[in-house]
N, C-alpha and C. Protein backbone atom coordinates (compact mmCIF):
# COMPACT_ATOMS: atom_id res chain seq x y z
N MET A 1 -15.34 30.22 -9.09
CA MET A 1 -15.20 29.00 -8.28
C MET A 1 -16.40 28.07 -8.47
N LYS A 2 -17.59 28.68 -8.56
CA LYS A 2 -18.80 27.90 -8.75
C LYS A 2 -18.75 27.13 -10.07
N LYS A 3 -18.19 27.78 -11.11
CA LYS A 3 -18.08 27.15 -12.43
C LYS A 3 -17.18 25.91 -12.36
N ILE A 4 -16.12 26.02 -11.54
CA ILE A 4 -15.18 24.90 -11.40
C ILE A 4 -15.90 23.68 -10.81
N TYR A 5 -16.71 23.92 -9.76
CA TYR A 5 -17.45 22.82 -9.13
C TYR A 5 -18.42 22.18 -10.12
N ILE A 6 -19.07 23.01 -10.92
CA ILE A 6 -20.02 22.50 -11.91
C ILE A 6 -19.30 21.64 -12.94
N ILE A 7 -18.14 22.13 -13.42
CA ILE A 7 -17.36 21.38 -14.40
C ILE A 7 -16.90 20.04 -13.82
N MET A 8 -16.45 20.06 -12.55
CA MET A 8 -16.00 18.82 -11.89
C MET A 8 -17.15 17.83 -11.76
N ALA A 9 -18.32 18.33 -11.40
CA ALA A 9 -19.49 17.46 -11.25
C ALA A 9 -19.88 16.83 -12.58
N LEU A 10 -19.84 17.65 -13.63
CA LEU A 10 -20.17 17.15 -14.97
C LEU A 10 -19.15 16.11 -15.42
N PHE A 11 -17.87 16.33 -15.05
CA PHE A 11 -16.81 15.39 -15.42
C PHE A 11 -17.05 14.03 -14.76
N VAL A 12 -17.44 14.08 -13.47
CA VAL A 12 -17.70 12.83 -12.74
C VAL A 12 -18.85 12.08 -13.38
N ILE A 13 -19.92 12.80 -13.72
CA ILE A 13 -21.09 12.17 -14.34
C ILE A 13 -20.72 11.58 -15.69
N PHE A 14 -19.95 12.34 -16.49
CA PHE A 14 -19.53 11.87 -17.81
C PHE A 14 -18.67 10.61 -17.70
N THR A 15 -17.74 10.64 -16.72
CA THR A 15 -16.87 9.48 -16.50
C THR A 15 -17.68 8.27 -16.08
N ALA A 16 -18.63 8.49 -15.17
CA ALA A 16 -19.46 7.39 -14.68
C ALA A 16 -20.27 6.76 -15.80
N CYS A 17 -20.83 7.60 -16.64
CA CYS A 17 -21.69 7.10 -17.72
C CYS A 17 -20.90 6.35 -18.78
N ASN A 18 -19.58 6.60 -18.83
CA ASN A 18 -18.76 5.94 -19.84
C ASN A 18 -18.06 4.70 -19.30
N LYS A 19 -18.28 4.37 -18.04
CA LYS A 19 -17.72 3.13 -17.49
C LYS A 19 -18.61 1.97 -17.91
N SER A 20 -18.09 0.76 -17.78
CA SER A 20 -18.88 -0.40 -18.15
C SER A 20 -20.15 -0.45 -17.29
N GLU A 21 -21.21 -1.00 -17.86
CA GLU A 21 -22.52 -1.00 -17.21
C GLU A 21 -22.58 -2.07 -16.13
N ASP A 22 -21.85 -1.84 -15.03
CA ASP A 22 -21.91 -2.78 -13.92
C ASP A 22 -22.58 -2.13 -12.71
N TYR A 23 -23.24 -1.01 -12.94
CA TYR A 23 -24.02 -0.32 -11.91
C TYR A 23 -23.21 0.06 -10.68
N GLY A 24 -21.95 0.39 -10.88
CA GLY A 24 -21.13 0.92 -9.80
C GLY A 24 -20.41 -0.11 -8.97
N ILE A 25 -20.53 -1.39 -9.33
CA ILE A 25 -19.91 -2.45 -8.53
C ILE A 25 -18.39 -2.31 -8.53
N SER A 26 -17.81 -2.13 -9.71
CA SER A 26 -16.35 -1.99 -9.81
C SER A 26 -15.87 -0.72 -9.11
N ALA A 27 -16.60 0.37 -9.31
CA ALA A 27 -16.22 1.63 -8.67
C ALA A 27 -16.28 1.50 -7.15
N TYR A 28 -17.29 0.80 -6.64
CA TYR A 28 -17.42 0.60 -5.20
C TYR A 28 -16.26 -0.23 -4.66
N GLU A 29 -15.90 -1.28 -5.38
CA GLU A 29 -14.78 -2.13 -4.96
C GLU A 29 -13.46 -1.36 -4.98
N ASN A 30 -13.36 -0.39 -5.89
CA ASN A 30 -12.14 0.43 -5.99
C ASN A 30 -12.21 1.68 -5.11
N LYS A 31 -13.24 1.77 -4.28
CA LYS A 31 -13.44 2.87 -3.32
C LYS A 31 -13.65 4.22 -4.00
N ASP A 32 -14.15 4.19 -5.23
CA ASP A 32 -14.56 5.41 -5.93
C ASP A 32 -16.04 5.59 -5.65
N TYR A 33 -16.35 6.06 -4.45
CA TYR A 33 -17.72 6.04 -3.96
C TYR A 33 -18.64 7.03 -4.66
N LEU A 34 -18.09 8.15 -5.15
CA LEU A 34 -18.93 9.11 -5.86
C LEU A 34 -19.45 8.50 -7.16
N THR A 35 -18.54 7.90 -7.94
CA THR A 35 -18.95 7.24 -9.18
C THR A 35 -19.87 6.06 -8.87
N ALA A 36 -19.53 5.32 -7.82
CA ALA A 36 -20.36 4.17 -7.43
C ALA A 36 -21.78 4.62 -7.12
N PHE A 37 -21.91 5.74 -6.42
CA PHE A 37 -23.23 6.23 -6.05
C PHE A 37 -24.05 6.57 -7.29
N ILE A 38 -23.45 7.28 -8.23
CA ILE A 38 -24.15 7.70 -9.43
C ILE A 38 -24.64 6.48 -10.23
N LEU A 39 -23.74 5.51 -10.42
CA LEU A 39 -24.10 4.33 -11.19
C LEU A 39 -25.06 3.41 -10.44
N ALA A 40 -24.86 3.28 -9.12
CA ALA A 40 -25.73 2.42 -8.32
C ALA A 40 -27.14 2.98 -8.26
N GLU A 41 -27.26 4.29 -8.20
CA GLU A 41 -28.59 4.91 -8.18
C GLU A 41 -29.35 4.57 -9.46
N LYS A 42 -28.64 4.64 -10.59
CA LYS A 42 -29.25 4.28 -11.87
C LYS A 42 -29.62 2.80 -11.88
N GLY A 43 -28.68 1.96 -11.41
CA GLY A 43 -28.93 0.53 -11.39
C GLY A 43 -30.08 0.14 -10.48
N CYS A 44 -30.19 0.81 -9.35
CA CYS A 44 -31.27 0.52 -8.42
C CYS A 44 -32.62 0.90 -9.04
N ASN A 45 -32.64 2.02 -9.76
CA ASN A 45 -33.86 2.40 -10.46
C ASN A 45 -34.23 1.39 -11.53
N ASP A 46 -33.20 0.69 -12.05
CA ASP A 46 -33.42 -0.38 -13.04
C ASP A 46 -33.70 -1.71 -12.36
N LYS A 47 -33.88 -1.70 -11.04
CA LYS A 47 -34.21 -2.87 -10.24
C LYS A 47 -33.09 -3.92 -10.23
N ASN A 48 -31.86 -3.43 -10.10
CA ASN A 48 -30.72 -4.31 -9.91
C ASN A 48 -30.44 -4.40 -8.41
N GLY A 49 -30.54 -5.60 -7.84
CA GLY A 49 -30.41 -5.77 -6.40
C GLY A 49 -29.05 -5.40 -5.85
N GLU A 50 -27.99 -5.72 -6.59
CA GLU A 50 -26.63 -5.39 -6.13
C GLU A 50 -26.44 -3.88 -6.09
N ALA A 51 -27.00 -3.18 -7.07
CA ALA A 51 -26.90 -1.72 -7.10
C ALA A 51 -27.60 -1.11 -5.89
N CYS A 52 -28.79 -1.61 -5.57
CA CYS A 52 -29.52 -1.10 -4.40
C CYS A 52 -28.75 -1.37 -3.12
N TYR A 53 -28.10 -2.54 -3.06
CA TYR A 53 -27.31 -2.90 -1.89
C TYR A 53 -26.12 -1.96 -1.73
N ILE A 54 -25.44 -1.66 -2.83
CA ILE A 54 -24.32 -0.72 -2.80
C ILE A 54 -24.80 0.66 -2.36
N LEU A 55 -25.92 1.08 -2.90
CA LEU A 55 -26.48 2.38 -2.53
C LEU A 55 -26.79 2.43 -1.04
N ALA A 56 -27.35 1.36 -0.51
CA ALA A 56 -27.65 1.28 0.92
C ALA A 56 -26.38 1.36 1.75
N ASN A 57 -25.33 0.65 1.31
CA ASN A 57 -24.06 0.69 2.04
C ASN A 57 -23.47 2.10 2.07
N ILE A 58 -23.58 2.81 0.95
CA ILE A 58 -23.05 4.17 0.87
C ILE A 58 -23.77 5.08 1.85
N TYR A 59 -25.08 4.97 1.90
CA TYR A 59 -25.85 5.78 2.86
C TYR A 59 -25.59 5.32 4.30
N ASN A 60 -25.46 4.02 4.50
CA ASN A 60 -25.28 3.48 5.85
C ASN A 60 -23.96 3.92 6.46
N SER A 61 -22.91 3.97 5.63
CA SER A 61 -21.58 4.30 6.14
C SER A 61 -21.17 5.75 5.89
N GLY A 62 -22.02 6.52 5.22
CA GLY A 62 -21.69 7.92 4.95
C GLY A 62 -20.57 8.07 3.94
N LEU A 63 -20.53 7.19 2.94
CA LEU A 63 -19.49 7.24 1.92
C LEU A 63 -19.93 8.15 0.77
N SER A 64 -19.17 9.18 0.49
CA SER A 64 -19.40 10.14 -0.59
C SER A 64 -20.55 11.11 -0.31
N ARG A 65 -21.29 10.88 0.78
CA ARG A 65 -22.37 11.80 1.17
C ARG A 65 -22.72 11.54 2.63
N GLN A 66 -23.59 12.40 3.18
CA GLN A 66 -23.91 12.30 4.60
C GLN A 66 -24.64 10.98 4.89
N ALA A 67 -24.27 10.36 6.00
CA ALA A 67 -24.92 9.11 6.39
C ALA A 67 -26.41 9.35 6.63
N ASP A 68 -27.21 8.41 6.19
CA ASP A 68 -28.66 8.51 6.35
C ASP A 68 -29.19 7.10 6.57
N GLN A 69 -29.42 6.74 7.84
CA GLN A 69 -29.82 5.39 8.19
C GLN A 69 -31.20 5.03 7.66
N VAL A 70 -32.07 6.03 7.56
CA VAL A 70 -33.42 5.77 7.04
C VAL A 70 -33.36 5.40 5.57
N LYS A 71 -32.62 6.19 4.78
CA LYS A 71 -32.46 5.87 3.36
C LYS A 71 -31.75 4.54 3.18
N ALA A 72 -30.75 4.28 4.02
CA ALA A 72 -30.03 3.01 3.94
C ALA A 72 -30.99 1.85 4.13
N ALA A 73 -31.83 1.94 5.16
CA ALA A 73 -32.80 0.87 5.44
C ALA A 73 -33.76 0.69 4.26
N ARG A 74 -34.18 1.80 3.68
CA ARG A 74 -35.11 1.75 2.55
C ARG A 74 -34.49 0.99 1.37
N TYR A 75 -33.21 1.27 1.11
CA TYR A 75 -32.55 0.61 -0.03
C TYR A 75 -32.19 -0.84 0.29
N TYR A 76 -31.88 -1.14 1.56
CA TYR A 76 -31.64 -2.53 1.92
C TYR A 76 -32.91 -3.36 1.70
N ILE A 77 -34.04 -2.80 2.10
CA ILE A 77 -35.32 -3.50 1.91
C ILE A 77 -35.61 -3.70 0.42
N LYS A 78 -35.36 -2.66 -0.38
CA LYS A 78 -35.59 -2.77 -1.82
C LYS A 78 -34.68 -3.83 -2.42
N ALA A 79 -33.41 -3.82 -2.03
CA ALA A 79 -32.46 -4.81 -2.55
C ALA A 79 -32.86 -6.22 -2.15
N CYS A 80 -33.32 -6.38 -0.92
CA CYS A 80 -33.77 -7.68 -0.43
C CYS A 80 -34.97 -8.17 -1.23
N ASP A 81 -35.93 -7.28 -1.46
CA ASP A 81 -37.12 -7.65 -2.22
C ASP A 81 -36.77 -8.09 -3.64
N ILE A 82 -35.70 -7.52 -4.20
CA ILE A 82 -35.25 -7.90 -5.53
C ILE A 82 -34.54 -9.26 -5.49
N GLY A 83 -33.97 -9.60 -4.32
CA GLY A 83 -33.33 -10.91 -4.18
C GLY A 83 -31.88 -10.90 -3.79
N ASN A 84 -31.43 -9.84 -3.09
CA ASN A 84 -30.05 -9.76 -2.64
C ASN A 84 -29.98 -10.27 -1.19
N GLY A 85 -29.27 -11.38 -0.98
CA GLY A 85 -29.23 -12.02 0.33
C GLY A 85 -28.54 -11.20 1.40
N ARG A 86 -27.47 -10.48 1.03
CA ARG A 86 -26.76 -9.66 2.02
C ARG A 86 -27.63 -8.51 2.49
N ALA A 87 -28.45 -7.99 1.59
CA ALA A 87 -29.38 -6.93 1.97
C ALA A 87 -30.43 -7.45 2.94
N CYS A 88 -30.93 -8.68 2.69
CA CYS A 88 -31.90 -9.28 3.61
C CYS A 88 -31.30 -9.46 5.00
N TYR A 89 -30.02 -9.83 5.03
CA TYR A 89 -29.31 -9.97 6.30
C TYR A 89 -29.29 -8.63 7.04
N MET A 90 -29.00 -7.56 6.32
CA MET A 90 -28.95 -6.23 6.93
C MET A 90 -30.32 -5.80 7.43
N VAL A 91 -31.37 -6.14 6.70
CA VAL A 91 -32.73 -5.79 7.16
C VAL A 91 -33.06 -6.56 8.44
N GLY A 92 -32.63 -7.82 8.49
CA GLY A 92 -32.81 -8.59 9.72
C GLY A 92 -32.15 -7.92 10.90
N LYS A 93 -30.94 -7.41 10.69
CA LYS A 93 -30.22 -6.70 11.76
C LYS A 93 -30.95 -5.42 12.15
N ILE A 94 -31.46 -4.72 11.16
CA ILE A 94 -32.17 -3.46 11.43
C ILE A 94 -33.36 -3.70 12.34
N TYR A 95 -34.13 -4.75 12.06
CA TYR A 95 -35.31 -5.05 12.89
C TYR A 95 -34.92 -5.57 14.27
N SER A 96 -33.74 -6.17 14.39
CA SER A 96 -33.33 -6.70 15.69
C SER A 96 -32.69 -5.64 16.57
N GLN A 97 -32.20 -4.56 15.96
CA GLN A 97 -31.48 -3.54 16.72
C GLN A 97 -32.32 -2.31 17.05
N SER A 98 -33.46 -2.18 16.40
CA SER A 98 -34.44 -1.10 16.65
C SER A 98 -33.84 0.31 16.60
N ARG A 99 -32.91 0.53 15.66
CA ARG A 99 -32.32 1.87 15.53
C ARG A 99 -33.11 2.74 14.55
N VAL A 100 -33.66 2.13 13.51
CA VAL A 100 -34.40 2.88 12.49
C VAL A 100 -35.88 2.57 12.57
N VAL A 101 -36.21 1.34 12.90
CA VAL A 101 -37.60 0.91 13.04
C VAL A 101 -37.77 0.29 14.43
N PRO A 102 -39.00 0.20 14.93
CA PRO A 102 -39.21 -0.45 16.22
C PRO A 102 -38.75 -1.90 16.18
N GLU A 103 -38.19 -2.37 17.28
CA GLU A 103 -37.72 -3.75 17.33
C GLU A 103 -38.84 -4.72 17.03
N ASP A 104 -38.59 -5.67 16.15
CA ASP A 104 -39.59 -6.67 15.78
C ASP A 104 -38.85 -7.98 15.50
N ILE A 105 -38.80 -8.83 16.50
CA ILE A 105 -38.03 -10.07 16.40
C ILE A 105 -38.60 -11.00 15.35
N ASP A 106 -39.94 -11.04 15.22
CA ASP A 106 -40.55 -11.90 14.21
C ASP A 106 -40.14 -11.46 12.80
N GLN A 107 -40.17 -10.14 12.57
CA GLN A 107 -39.74 -9.61 11.27
C GLN A 107 -38.26 -9.89 11.04
N SER A 108 -37.49 -9.70 12.10
CA SER A 108 -36.06 -9.93 12.01
C SER A 108 -35.77 -11.37 11.60
N GLU A 109 -36.38 -12.32 12.29
CA GLU A 109 -36.16 -13.73 11.98
C GLU A 109 -36.65 -14.09 10.59
N SER A 110 -37.73 -13.47 10.16
CA SER A 110 -38.26 -13.72 8.82
C SER A 110 -37.26 -13.29 7.75
N TYR A 111 -36.66 -12.13 7.95
CA TYR A 111 -35.66 -11.65 6.99
C TYR A 111 -34.39 -12.48 7.05
N PHE A 112 -34.01 -12.93 8.24
CA PHE A 112 -32.82 -13.78 8.36
C PHE A 112 -33.04 -15.11 7.63
N ARG A 113 -34.26 -15.67 7.74
CA ARG A 113 -34.56 -16.93 7.04
C ARG A 113 -34.49 -16.73 5.53
N LYS A 114 -35.07 -15.63 5.08
CA LYS A 114 -35.02 -15.32 3.65
C LYS A 114 -33.57 -15.11 3.21
N SER A 115 -32.82 -14.43 4.05
CA SER A 115 -31.41 -14.18 3.78
C SER A 115 -30.66 -15.49 3.61
N ASN A 116 -30.89 -16.44 4.51
CA ASN A 116 -30.19 -17.71 4.46
C ASN A 116 -30.43 -18.43 3.12
N GLN A 117 -31.67 -18.44 2.67
CA GLN A 117 -32.01 -19.13 1.42
C GLN A 117 -31.25 -18.53 0.23
N ILE A 118 -31.12 -17.21 0.22
CA ILE A 118 -30.46 -16.55 -0.91
C ILE A 118 -28.94 -16.61 -0.77
N LEU A 119 -28.45 -16.42 0.46
CA LEU A 119 -27.00 -16.39 0.70
C LEU A 119 -26.32 -17.69 0.28
N VAL A 120 -26.97 -18.80 0.55
CA VAL A 120 -26.40 -20.10 0.19
C VAL A 120 -26.16 -20.17 -1.32
N LYS A 121 -27.11 -19.67 -2.09
CA LYS A 121 -26.96 -19.66 -3.56
C LYS A 121 -25.88 -18.68 -3.98
N GLU A 122 -25.87 -17.49 -3.36
CA GLU A 122 -24.85 -16.49 -3.71
C GLU A 122 -23.45 -17.00 -3.36
N CYS A 123 -23.35 -17.68 -2.23
CA CYS A 123 -22.05 -18.21 -1.80
C CYS A 123 -21.56 -19.27 -2.78
N SER A 124 -22.48 -20.13 -3.22
CA SER A 124 -22.09 -21.19 -4.15
C SER A 124 -21.65 -20.63 -5.49
N SER A 125 -22.06 -19.37 -5.75
CA SER A 125 -21.65 -18.70 -7.00
C SER A 125 -20.33 -17.96 -6.83
N GLY A 126 -19.76 -18.03 -5.62
CA GLY A 126 -18.44 -17.43 -5.39
C GLY A 126 -18.44 -16.05 -4.80
N ASN A 127 -19.56 -15.65 -4.17
CA ASN A 127 -19.60 -14.33 -3.53
C ASN A 127 -19.07 -14.45 -2.10
N ALA A 128 -17.89 -13.92 -1.86
CA ALA A 128 -17.22 -14.08 -0.56
C ALA A 128 -18.01 -13.48 0.59
N GLU A 129 -18.59 -12.31 0.37
CA GLU A 129 -19.34 -11.64 1.44
C GLU A 129 -20.59 -12.44 1.80
N SER A 130 -21.23 -13.04 0.80
CA SER A 130 -22.41 -13.87 1.06
C SER A 130 -22.04 -15.09 1.90
N CYS A 131 -20.88 -15.68 1.62
CA CYS A 131 -20.40 -16.81 2.43
C CYS A 131 -20.19 -16.38 3.88
N LEU A 132 -19.63 -15.19 4.06
CA LEU A 132 -19.39 -14.66 5.41
C LEU A 132 -20.70 -14.49 6.16
N TYR A 133 -21.70 -13.88 5.51
CA TYR A 133 -22.99 -13.64 6.17
C TYR A 133 -23.73 -14.95 6.44
N ALA A 134 -23.60 -15.91 5.52
CA ALA A 134 -24.23 -17.22 5.73
C ALA A 134 -23.66 -17.87 6.98
N GLY A 135 -22.34 -17.78 7.13
CA GLY A 135 -21.70 -18.32 8.32
C GLY A 135 -22.18 -17.64 9.59
N ALA A 136 -22.36 -16.33 9.51
CA ALA A 136 -22.81 -15.57 10.68
C ALA A 136 -24.20 -16.01 11.13
N LEU A 137 -25.08 -16.30 10.17
CA LEU A 137 -26.43 -16.75 10.52
C LEU A 137 -26.38 -18.03 11.35
N TYR A 138 -25.53 -18.97 10.93
CA TYR A 138 -25.43 -20.24 11.67
C TYR A 138 -24.69 -20.07 12.99
N LEU A 139 -23.73 -19.18 13.04
CA LEU A 139 -22.98 -18.98 14.28
C LEU A 139 -23.85 -18.32 15.36
N TYR A 140 -24.65 -17.33 14.95
CA TYR A 140 -25.43 -16.55 15.92
C TYR A 140 -26.89 -16.98 16.00
N SER A 141 -27.24 -18.10 15.37
CA SER A 141 -28.62 -18.63 15.42
C SER A 141 -29.64 -17.60 14.94
N GLN A 142 -29.37 -17.01 13.78
CA GLN A 142 -30.27 -16.00 13.22
C GLN A 142 -31.04 -16.61 12.05
N GLY A 143 -32.31 -16.91 12.28
CA GLY A 143 -33.14 -17.48 11.22
C GLY A 143 -32.93 -18.96 11.00
N VAL A 144 -31.84 -19.51 11.53
CA VAL A 144 -31.52 -20.94 11.42
C VAL A 144 -30.97 -21.40 12.76
N PRO A 145 -31.04 -22.72 13.06
CA PRO A 145 -30.47 -23.22 14.32
C PRO A 145 -28.96 -23.02 14.35
N HIS A 146 -28.41 -22.86 15.55
CA HIS A 146 -26.97 -22.72 15.71
C HIS A 146 -26.27 -23.97 15.19
N ASP A 147 -25.24 -23.75 14.37
CA ASP A 147 -24.47 -24.88 13.83
C ASP A 147 -23.04 -24.37 13.56
N SER A 148 -22.16 -24.60 14.54
CA SER A 148 -20.79 -24.10 14.43
C SER A 148 -20.04 -24.70 13.26
N GLU A 149 -20.32 -25.97 12.98
CA GLU A 149 -19.63 -26.65 11.88
C GLU A 149 -19.99 -26.01 10.54
N LYS A 150 -21.27 -25.77 10.32
CA LYS A 150 -21.69 -25.11 9.08
C LYS A 150 -21.15 -23.70 9.01
N ALA A 151 -21.19 -23.00 10.15
CA ALA A 151 -20.67 -21.63 10.19
C ALA A 151 -19.23 -21.60 9.73
N MET A 152 -18.42 -22.51 10.26
CA MET A 152 -17.00 -22.54 9.90
C MET A 152 -16.80 -22.89 8.43
N GLU A 153 -17.65 -23.77 7.90
CA GLU A 153 -17.55 -24.12 6.47
C GLU A 153 -17.73 -22.88 5.60
N TYR A 154 -18.73 -22.08 5.95
CA TYR A 154 -18.99 -20.87 5.16
C TYR A 154 -17.89 -19.83 5.37
N PHE A 155 -17.43 -19.68 6.61
CA PHE A 155 -16.34 -18.74 6.87
C PHE A 155 -15.08 -19.14 6.10
N GLU A 156 -14.78 -20.42 6.10
CA GLU A 156 -13.58 -20.90 5.42
C GLU A 156 -13.67 -20.70 3.91
N LYS A 157 -14.86 -20.90 3.35
CA LYS A 157 -15.02 -20.65 1.91
C LYS A 157 -14.81 -19.17 1.61
N SER A 158 -15.37 -18.32 2.47
CA SER A 158 -15.20 -16.87 2.30
C SER A 158 -13.72 -16.49 2.40
N CYS A 159 -13.02 -17.10 3.36
CA CYS A 159 -11.60 -16.83 3.55
C CYS A 159 -10.79 -17.28 2.33
N ARG A 160 -11.16 -18.45 1.78
CA ARG A 160 -10.46 -18.93 0.58
C ARG A 160 -10.65 -17.97 -0.60
N LEU A 161 -11.76 -17.24 -0.56
CA LEU A 161 -12.02 -16.23 -1.59
C LEU A 161 -11.40 -14.88 -1.22
N ASN A 162 -10.50 -14.93 -0.20
CA ASN A 162 -9.71 -13.76 0.23
C ASN A 162 -10.54 -12.64 0.85
N HIS A 163 -11.55 -13.02 1.62
CA HIS A 163 -12.30 -12.02 2.38
C HIS A 163 -11.64 -11.90 3.75
N GLY A 164 -11.00 -10.77 4.00
CA GLY A 164 -10.22 -10.58 5.22
C GLY A 164 -11.01 -10.75 6.49
N SER A 165 -12.24 -10.26 6.51
CA SER A 165 -13.07 -10.36 7.71
C SER A 165 -13.37 -11.80 8.06
N ALA A 166 -13.56 -12.63 7.04
CA ALA A 166 -13.84 -14.05 7.29
C ALA A 166 -12.62 -14.75 7.88
N CYS A 167 -11.44 -14.48 7.32
CA CYS A 167 -10.20 -15.07 7.86
C CYS A 167 -9.99 -14.64 9.30
N TYR A 168 -10.26 -13.36 9.57
CA TYR A 168 -10.13 -12.82 10.93
C TYR A 168 -11.11 -13.50 11.88
N THR A 169 -12.35 -13.67 11.43
CA THR A 169 -13.37 -14.30 12.26
C THR A 169 -12.97 -15.71 12.65
N ILE A 170 -12.48 -16.48 11.67
CA ILE A 170 -12.03 -17.85 11.96
C ILE A 170 -10.87 -17.82 12.96
N GLY A 171 -9.92 -16.94 12.72
CA GLY A 171 -8.78 -16.83 13.61
C GLY A 171 -9.18 -16.55 15.04
N MET A 172 -10.13 -15.62 15.21
CA MET A 172 -10.57 -15.26 16.56
C MET A 172 -11.39 -16.37 17.21
N LEU A 173 -12.14 -17.11 16.41
CA LEU A 173 -12.90 -18.24 16.96
C LEU A 173 -11.94 -19.32 17.47
N TYR A 174 -10.89 -19.60 16.70
CA TYR A 174 -9.90 -20.58 17.17
C TYR A 174 -9.11 -20.05 18.36
N LYS A 175 -8.91 -18.75 18.41
CA LYS A 175 -8.14 -18.15 19.50
C LYS A 175 -8.92 -18.14 20.81
N THR A 176 -10.23 -17.84 20.72
CA THR A 176 -11.04 -17.69 21.94
C THR A 176 -11.77 -18.97 22.33
N GLY A 177 -11.99 -19.87 21.36
CA GLY A 177 -12.72 -21.09 21.67
C GLY A 177 -14.19 -20.87 21.95
N LYS A 178 -14.76 -19.79 21.41
CA LYS A 178 -16.18 -19.50 21.64
C LYS A 178 -17.06 -20.24 20.64
N TYR A 179 -18.36 -20.28 20.97
CA TYR A 179 -19.41 -20.85 20.10
C TYR A 179 -19.14 -22.32 19.74
N GLY A 180 -18.53 -23.05 20.66
CA GLY A 180 -18.33 -24.47 20.46
C GLY A 180 -17.14 -24.82 19.58
N ILE A 181 -16.29 -23.83 19.28
CA ILE A 181 -15.10 -24.07 18.47
C ILE A 181 -13.92 -24.37 19.40
N ALA A 182 -13.27 -25.50 19.20
CA ALA A 182 -12.13 -25.87 20.06
C ALA A 182 -10.96 -24.91 19.82
N GLN A 183 -10.35 -24.47 20.92
CA GLN A 183 -9.19 -23.58 20.79
C GLN A 183 -8.05 -24.27 20.07
N ASP A 184 -7.40 -23.51 19.18
CA ASP A 184 -6.25 -24.05 18.45
C ASP A 184 -5.41 -22.85 18.02
N MET A 185 -4.35 -22.57 18.77
CA MET A 185 -3.57 -21.36 18.54
C MET A 185 -2.81 -21.40 17.21
N ASN A 186 -2.41 -22.60 16.78
CA ASN A 186 -1.71 -22.70 15.49
C ASN A 186 -2.65 -22.28 14.35
N LYS A 187 -3.87 -22.81 14.37
CA LYS A 187 -4.85 -22.43 13.35
C LYS A 187 -5.23 -20.96 13.48
N ALA A 188 -5.35 -20.50 14.72
CA ALA A 188 -5.71 -19.10 14.96
C ALA A 188 -4.67 -18.18 14.32
N ASN A 189 -3.41 -18.45 14.58
CA ASN A 189 -2.35 -17.60 14.03
C ASN A 189 -2.28 -17.68 12.51
N SER A 190 -2.53 -18.87 11.97
CA SER A 190 -2.51 -19.05 10.52
C SER A 190 -3.57 -18.19 9.84
N PHE A 191 -4.79 -18.22 10.37
CA PHE A 191 -5.88 -17.44 9.76
C PHE A 191 -5.71 -15.94 10.02
N LEU A 192 -5.21 -15.58 11.18
CA LEU A 192 -4.99 -14.17 11.48
C LEU A 192 -3.88 -13.60 10.59
N ASN A 193 -2.86 -14.41 10.34
CA ASN A 193 -1.79 -13.98 9.43
C ASN A 193 -2.32 -13.76 8.03
N LYS A 194 -3.19 -14.66 7.58
CA LYS A 194 -3.75 -14.51 6.24
C LYS A 194 -4.61 -13.24 6.17
N ALA A 195 -5.43 -13.02 7.20
CA ALA A 195 -6.27 -11.82 7.23
C ALA A 195 -5.42 -10.56 7.21
N CYS A 196 -4.34 -10.57 7.96
CA CYS A 196 -3.43 -9.42 8.01
C CYS A 196 -2.79 -9.19 6.64
N ASN A 197 -2.36 -10.27 6.01
CA ASN A 197 -1.72 -10.16 4.69
C ASN A 197 -2.69 -9.65 3.63
N ILE A 198 -3.97 -9.98 3.80
CA ILE A 198 -5.00 -9.48 2.87
C ILE A 198 -5.20 -7.98 3.05
N GLY A 199 -4.89 -7.51 4.28
CA GLY A 199 -5.06 -6.09 4.55
C GLY A 199 -6.08 -5.78 5.62
N TYR A 200 -6.52 -6.80 6.37
CA TYR A 200 -7.49 -6.60 7.44
C TYR A 200 -6.74 -6.19 8.70
N GLU A 201 -6.77 -4.91 9.02
CA GLU A 201 -5.88 -4.34 10.05
C GLU A 201 -6.10 -4.91 11.44
N ASP A 202 -7.35 -5.22 11.81
CA ASP A 202 -7.61 -5.74 13.15
C ASP A 202 -6.87 -7.06 13.38
N ALA A 203 -6.70 -7.83 12.31
CA ALA A 203 -5.98 -9.10 12.43
C ALA A 203 -4.51 -8.87 12.73
N CYS A 204 -3.95 -7.82 12.17
CA CYS A 204 -2.52 -7.52 12.40
C CYS A 204 -2.26 -7.21 13.86
N LYS A 205 -3.25 -6.64 14.53
CA LYS A 205 -3.10 -6.28 15.95
C LYS A 205 -3.14 -7.50 16.85
N GLU A 206 -3.71 -8.59 16.34
CA GLU A 206 -3.86 -9.81 17.14
C GLU A 206 -2.64 -10.72 17.05
N LYS A 207 -1.76 -10.44 16.12
CA LYS A 207 -0.60 -11.31 15.90
C LYS A 207 0.40 -11.22 17.07
């Protein structure tokens, strides 16, 4: 039985090494988290920010291995230092929530500001998740002044790039009328339907 596990492990490593050199990005998107971890670890060692971010997400959510918030924070910081805006956003949250490190609002705001500068560039390059996080910064006044109009612009761009969470967020903002967004049930239902069709289950429950 032990030999079988060894052969399976070797097969996974061999398969991972023979995939295109994208440092686990494709594997992560396809929910092949074991392969993603192997490739992302290599990519992070090569100082690839996206790889470090993927590695942090795997540890943060317990995908393919036991969740480890300390390791996740370490890799988010490394990814941020390399220049990954979504990782900087996560570090800002870590400092604001005081789960892994002591709460430090100044550090949190500093990382959110850095995040905003990078996210805007990543969003303009077509990264849907970066657009979502950029919108969140403006909506929740994290590192930048509150600006509902800008927040919605970023959310809508993310939604156009078929990010289900962004479509859901817009739908709920129109449904609830929070954060200075005027209620509009027609728009709410339209965005919630799109989020549901993309596969975002929480949106399907709101229909």
